């Protein structure tokens, strides 16, 4: 068994460009800068060389068509990290309509985009790491999930640590102040269909940070499903939620695909939201 702990910075749902119009028609306080500030804060460990790779779990931007200036501002810190030798892996999410805006930045050899089902390989800390993934599926992922995972080619690749990267809902995920639980919809992946051979599933799309380890029947999942959540509050329904990112440590193990030995949630400062009752 080779290698030591591989350190992964995992963030998602950054929604860069939201509430940040180039030519606002109304002058008011806007929150777009909050998202860019927390994006840079979340990348802090990568700037300092404290992680071996960065994974973005989708919705880098808040929509598919984004002003060029916002694309450049988003990729500026990513390019700095990539130039420093740390590889970055990005899953296109639903807000990007399953594709990252075309840019010269994404052609950097250390910036990798899951523009189709595929697997990337890298070496870090004496271990071979495979990252398999696919862009957001807009047509009933519940029914296409197995095929999409097979299309990544993960089954034909040997690695010490294997990670599955996506931007989707897995049954049992909870959102909102009432703890709404996702169960049976076409856009919800069944826990029993999660494949073996991965240390973890790294996924975005759910804005509340959480880890899933069992399906709706209480049966253990093949591997833990990690949601870092969004980096800022995007709606009033998230007013009680902590926001941040994950530092994940993975190691080779007797289990195929390796194992996660630790995961730490790192809090980010967020815009406070209040409900005020008025007597009228």
Protein backbone atom coordinates (compact mmCIF):
# COMPACT_ATOMS: atom_id res chain seq x y z
CA UNK A 1 0.00 0.00 0.00
CA UNK A 2 1.60 3.24 -1.18
CA UNK A 3 1.38 6.88 -0.36
CA UNK A 4 0.35 9.07 2.52
CA UNK A 5 -2.67 11.29 3.09
CA UNK A 6 -3.84 13.10 -0.02
CA UNK A 7 -5.29 16.51 0.86
CA UNK A 8 -8.32 17.68 -1.13
CA UNK A 9 -9.95 21.10 -1.05
CA UNK A 10 -13.60 20.59 -2.01
CA UNK A 11 -15.98 23.48 -2.66
CA UNK A 12 -19.14 23.91 -4.74
CA UNK A 13 -22.05 26.17 -5.63
CA UNK A 14 -20.09 29.39 -5.73
CA UNK A 15 -22.61 31.03 -8.13
CA UNK A 16 -20.13 33.68 -9.21
CA UNK A 17 -21.68 36.63 -11.00
CA UNK A 18 -24.98 36.51 -9.13
CA UNK A 19 -26.41 39.93 -8.25
CA UNK A 20 -23.51 41.67 -9.97
CA UNK A 21 -24.81 43.36 -13.14
CA UNK A 22 -22.35 45.31 -15.26
CA UNK A 23 -24.85 48.09 -15.85
CA UNK A 24 -27.35 48.11 -12.95
CA UNK A 25 -30.62 49.87 -13.63
CA UNK A 26 -31.27 50.39 -9.92
CA UNK A 27 -28.74 51.65 -7.39
CA UNK A 28 -28.93 49.42 -4.31
CA UNK A 29 -26.77 47.33 -2.06
CA UNK A 30 -25.78 44.16 -3.90
CA UNK A 31 -24.38 40.82 -2.76
CA UNK A 32 -22.37 39.76 -5.79
CA UNK A 33 -19.09 40.82 -4.22
CA UNK A 34 -19.81 38.58 -1.20
CA UNK A 35 -19.59 35.50 -3.42
CA UNK A 36 -16.30 36.48 -5.04
CA UNK A 37 -14.79 37.31 -1.64
CA UNK A 38 -15.77 33.93 -0.17
CA UNK A 39 -14.57 32.18 -3.32
CA UNK A 40 -11.10 33.61 -2.75
CA UNK A 41 -11.26 32.82 0.98
CA UNK A 42 -12.21 29.20 0.23
CA UNK A 43 -9.21 28.84 -2.06
CA UNK A 44 -6.88 30.06 0.70
CA UNK A 45 -5.39 26.64 1.55
CA UNK A 46 -4.58 26.10 -2.13
CA UNK A 47 -2.84 29.49 -2.36
CA UNK A 48 -0.69 28.43 0.60
CA UNK A 49 0.19 25.02 -0.87
CA UNK A 50 -1.67 23.19 1.90
CA UNK A 51 -3.63 20.86 -0.41
CA UNK A 52 -2.73 18.48 -3.23
CA UNK A 53 -5.73 19.14 -5.45
CA UNK A 54 -8.88 21.27 -5.69
CA UNK A 55 -12.31 19.95 -6.70
CA UNK A 56 -15.20 22.26 -7.56
CA UNK A 57 -18.51 20.39 -7.40
CA UNK A 58 -20.46 22.53 -9.86
CA UNK A 59 -22.23 25.85 -10.34
CA UNK A 60 -18.99 27.79 -10.51
CA UNK A 61 -21.09 30.51 -12.16
CA UNK A 62 -24.71 31.45 -11.55
CA UNK A 63 -25.73 30.99 -15.19
CA UNK A 64 -24.38 29.75 -18.52
CA UNK A 65 -23.98 33.16 -20.16
CA UNK A 66 -21.74 35.24 -17.98
CA UNK A 67 -19.97 38.56 -18.70
CA UNK A 68 -16.38 38.05 -19.80
CA UNK A 69 -15.13 40.24 -16.96
CA UNK A 70 -16.74 37.89 -14.40
CA UNK A 71 -15.26 34.82 -16.11
CA UNK A 72 -11.82 36.42 -15.96
CA UNK A 73 -12.26 37.38 -12.31
CA UNK A 74 -13.31 33.82 -11.43
CA UNK A 75 -10.41 32.17 -13.21
CA UNK A 76 -7.76 34.59 -11.96
CA UNK A 77 -7.32 32.80 -8.58
CA UNK A 78 -7.75 29.39 -10.21
CA UNK A 79 -5.02 30.20 -12.71
CA UNK A 80 -2.71 31.30 -9.89
CA UNK A 81 -3.25 27.95 -8.15
CA UNK A 82 -2.79 26.00 -11.37
CA UNK A 83 0.41 27.90 -12.18
CA UNK A 84 1.67 26.92 -8.73
CA UNK A 85 1.35 23.25 -9.67
CA UNK A 86 -1.89 22.30 -7.89
CA UNK A 87 -4.40 20.59 -10.23
CA UNK A 88 -8.01 21.79 -10.28
CA UNK A 89 -11.04 19.72 -11.32
CA UNK A 90 -14.37 21.36 -12.18
CA UNK A 91 -17.81 19.81 -12.65
CA UNK A 92 -20.20 21.86 -14.84
CA UNK A 93 -23.46 22.32 -12.92
CA UNK A 94 -27.08 23.07 -13.74
CA UNK A 95 -26.66 26.85 -13.52
CA UNK A 96 -24.04 26.65 -16.26
CA UNK A 97 -26.40 24.40 -18.25
CA UNK A 98 -23.84 21.59 -17.93
CA UNK A 99 -20.96 23.50 -19.55
CA UNK A 100 -18.31 25.94 -18.38
CA UNK A 101 -18.09 29.18 -20.44
CA UNK A 102 -15.37 28.80 -23.07
CA UNK A 103 -12.19 30.55 -22.04
CA UNK A 104 -8.46 30.30 -22.61
CA UNK A 105 -8.17 29.76 -18.86
CA UNK A 106 -9.74 26.29 -18.98
CA UNK A 107 -7.03 25.17 -21.39
CA UNK A 108 -4.35 25.39 -18.72
CA UNK A 109 -2.81 21.90 -18.25
CA UNK A 110 -3.63 21.96 -14.53
CA UNK A 111 -7.30 22.94 -14.97
CA UNK A 112 -9.51 19.95 -15.81
CA UNK A 113 -13.21 20.15 -16.67
CA UNK A 114 -15.65 17.23 -16.69
CA UNK A 115 -17.12 18.37 -20.00
CA UNK A 116 -18.28 14.79 -20.62
CA UNK A 117 -18.18 11.53 -18.64
CA UNK A 118 -14.47 10.91 -18.15
CA UNK A 119 -11.71 10.04 -15.69
CA UNK A 120 -8.60 12.06 -14.89
CA UNK A 121 -5.45 10.56 -13.33
CA UNK A 122 -2.76 12.23 -11.26
CA UNK A 123 0.04 11.37 -8.86
CA UNK A 124 0.26 12.94 -5.43
CA UNK A 125 2.13 11.97 -2.27
CA UNK A 126 3.19 8.65 -3.72
CA UNK A 127 -0.34 7.62 -4.67
CA UNK A 128 -2.22 7.40 -7.95
CA UNK A 129 -5.55 9.24 -7.77
CA UNK A 130 -8.38 8.88 -10.26
CA UNK A 131 -11.20 11.40 -10.45
CA UNK A 132 -14.22 10.21 -12.43
CA UNK A 133 -17.15 12.45 -13.18
CA UNK A 134 -19.64 13.93 -15.61
CA UNK A 135 -21.44 17.25 -16.16
CA UNK A 136 -24.91 17.86 -14.75
CA UNK A 137 -27.51 15.59 -16.35
CA UNK A 138 -30.65 17.57 -17.18
CA UNK A 139 -32.75 14.57 -18.22
CA UNK A 140 -33.67 12.39 -15.24
CA UNK A 141 -30.32 11.40 -13.76
CA UNK A 142 -32.14 8.74 -11.69
CA UNK A 143 -32.57 6.71 -14.88
CA UNK A 144 -29.21 7.49 -16.50
CA UNK A 145 -26.86 7.47 -13.52
CA UNK A 146 -25.43 3.97 -13.99
CA UNK A 147 -24.75 4.62 -17.66
CA UNK A 148 -23.08 7.96 -16.95
CA UNK A 149 -20.78 6.40 -14.35
CA UNK A 150 -19.90 3.54 -16.72
CA UNK A 151 -19.10 6.06 -19.46
CA UNK A 152 -16.39 7.60 -17.26
CA UNK A 153 -14.38 4.42 -17.79
CA UNK A 154 -13.57 4.16 -14.08
CA UNK A 155 -13.90 0.38 -14.12
CA UNK A 156 -10.91 0.00 -16.44
CA UNK A 157 -8.59 2.23 -14.42
CA UNK A 158 -6.40 1.15 -11.52
CA UNK A 159 -5.67 3.74 -8.85
CA UNK A 160 -4.85 3.89 -5.16
CA UNK A 161 -7.56 6.47 -4.47
CA UNK A 162 -10.71 6.92 -6.57
CA UNK A 163 -13.21 9.77 -6.33
CA UNK A 164 -16.55 10.26 -8.09
CA UNK A 165 -17.31 13.91 -8.87
CA UNK A 166 -20.76 15.22 -9.87
CA UNK A 167 -23.43 17.87 -9.31
CA UNK A 168 -26.54 15.96 -8.28
CA UNK A 169 -28.96 15.05 -5.50
CA UNK A 170 -28.64 11.69 -3.74
CA UNK A 171 -31.65 10.38 -1.82
CA UNK A 172 -31.65 11.45 1.80
CA UNK A 173 -30.19 14.90 1.20
CA UNK A 174 -31.94 17.59 3.26
CA UNK A 175 -32.56 21.28 2.60
CA UNK A 176 -34.42 24.23 4.10
CA UNK A 177 -35.53 25.17 7.61
CA UNK A 178 -38.10 22.32 7.57
CA UNK A 179 -35.48 19.68 6.65
CA UNK A 180 -37.14 18.73 3.37
CA UNK A 181 -35.74 15.32 2.34
CA UNK A 182 -35.23 14.33 -1.30
CA UNK A 183 -36.57 10.87 -2.07
CA UNK A 184 -38.06 9.64 -5.33
CA UNK A 185 -38.00 12.36 -8.01
CA UNK A 186 -36.40 11.82 -11.44
CA UNK A 187 -33.53 14.14 -10.47
CA UNK A 188 -32.71 12.15 -7.31
CA UNK A 189 -30.14 9.33 -7.45
CA UNK A 190 -31.00 6.15 -5.55
CA UNK A 191 -28.48 5.26 -2.88
CA UNK A 192 -28.40 1.61 -3.93
CA UNK A 193 -27.08 2.67 -7.35
CA UNK A 194 -23.94 4.33 -6.02
CA UNK A 195 -21.06 2.20 -7.31
CA UNK A 196 -18.40 0.50 -5.26
CA UNK A 197 -14.74 1.26 -5.77
CA UNK A 198 -14.72 4.93 -4.73
CA UNK A 199 -13.38 6.47 -1.53
CA UNK A 200 -16.12 9.11 -1.71
CA UNK A 201 -18.65 10.85 -3.90
CA UNK A 202 -17.88 14.58 -4.10
CA UNK A 203 -20.99 16.43 -5.21
CA UNK A 204 -22.52 19.86 -5.33
CA UNK A 205 -26.10 21.06 -6.03
CA UNK A 206 -27.35 20.89 -2.43
CA UNK A 207 -26.58 24.17 -0.66
CA UNK A 208 -26.52 22.77 2.88
CA UNK A 209 -23.26 21.10 3.90
CA UNK A 210 -23.88 17.45 4.85
CA UNK A 211 -22.54 13.92 4.56
CA UNK A 212 -24.73 10.98 3.55
CA UNK A 213 -23.74 7.48 4.64
CA UNK A 214 -27.02 5.52 4.31
CA UNK A 215 -29.96 5.29 1.92
CA UNK A 216 -33.61 5.93 2.81
CA UNK A 217 -33.93 2.39 4.18
CA UNK A 218 -30.92 2.78 6.45
CA UNK A 219 -28.63 0.60 4.35
CA UNK A 220 -25.02 1.82 4.18
CA UNK A 221 -23.96 3.53 0.97
CA UNK A 222 -21.06 2.12 -1.02
CA UNK A 223 -19.11 5.26 -0.13
CA UNK A 224 -19.86 8.49 1.73
CA UNK A 225 -21.51 11.29 -0.24
CA UNK A 226 -19.96 14.65 0.65
CA UNK A 227 -21.72 17.97 0.08
CA UNK A 228 -19.66 21.06 1.00
CA UNK A 229 -22.72 23.26 0.44
CA UNK A 230 -22.67 26.73 -1.09
CA UNK A 231 -20.11 29.33 -0.06
CA UNK A 232 -22.76 31.99 0.63
CA UNK A 233 -26.48 32.15 1.36
CA UNK A 234 -28.34 32.32 -1.94
CA UNK A 235 -31.88 32.45 -0.53
CA UNK A 236 -33.74 33.22 2.68
CA UNK A 237 -34.34 29.47 3.15
CA UNK A 238 -30.61 29.16 3.91
CA UNK A 239 -30.56 31.82 6.63
CA UNK A 240 -29.71 29.35 9.43
CA UNK A 241 -27.10 27.38 7.50
CA UNK A 242 -23.36 27.52 7.98
CA UNK A 243 -21.45 28.15 4.78
CA UNK A 244 -17.96 27.04 3.87
CA UNK A 245 -15.93 24.32 2.22
CA UNK A 246 -14.37 20.94 3.02
CA UNK A 247 -10.82 19.76 3.53
CA UNK A 248 -10.83 16.02 2.85
CA UNK A 249 -8.00 13.57 3.53
CA UNK A 250 -7.94 10.33 1.55
CA UNK A 251 -5.54 7.39 1.74
CA UNK A 252 -4.91 4.15 -0.13
CA UNK A 253 -6.40 1.22 1.77
CA UNK A 254 -7.39 -2.43 1.49
CA UNK A 255 -10.75 -1.16 0.21
CA UNK A 256 -10.75 -0.68 -3.56
CA UNK A 257 -10.67 3.03 -4.30
CA UNK A 258 -9.09 3.94 -0.97
CA UNK A 259 -10.72 5.52 2.06
CA UNK A 260 -11.56 8.90 3.54
CA UNK A 261 -9.81 9.24 6.90
CA UNK A 262 -10.92 12.76 7.78
CA UNK A 263 -13.09 15.61 6.55
CA UNK A 264 -13.19 19.06 8.08
CA UNK A 265 -15.76 21.75 7.38
CA UNK A 266 -14.23 25.22 7.28
CA UNK A 267 -16.65 28.07 7.98
CA UNK A 268 -16.79 31.18 5.84
CA UNK A 269 -18.27 34.55 6.90
CA UNK A 270 -21.77 35.03 5.52
CA UNK A 271 -24.25 37.83 5.05
CA UNK A 272 -26.68 37.77 7.97
CA UNK A 273 -30.38 37.37 7.19
CA UNK A 274 -33.20 38.35 9.54
CA UNK A 275 -36.97 38.00 9.64
CA UNK A 276 -38.54 41.16 11.07
CA UNK A 277 -42.19 41.26 12.09
CA UNK A 278 -43.96 44.61 11.74
CA UNK A 279 -47.29 45.64 13.21
CA UNK A 280 -49.23 47.58 10.57
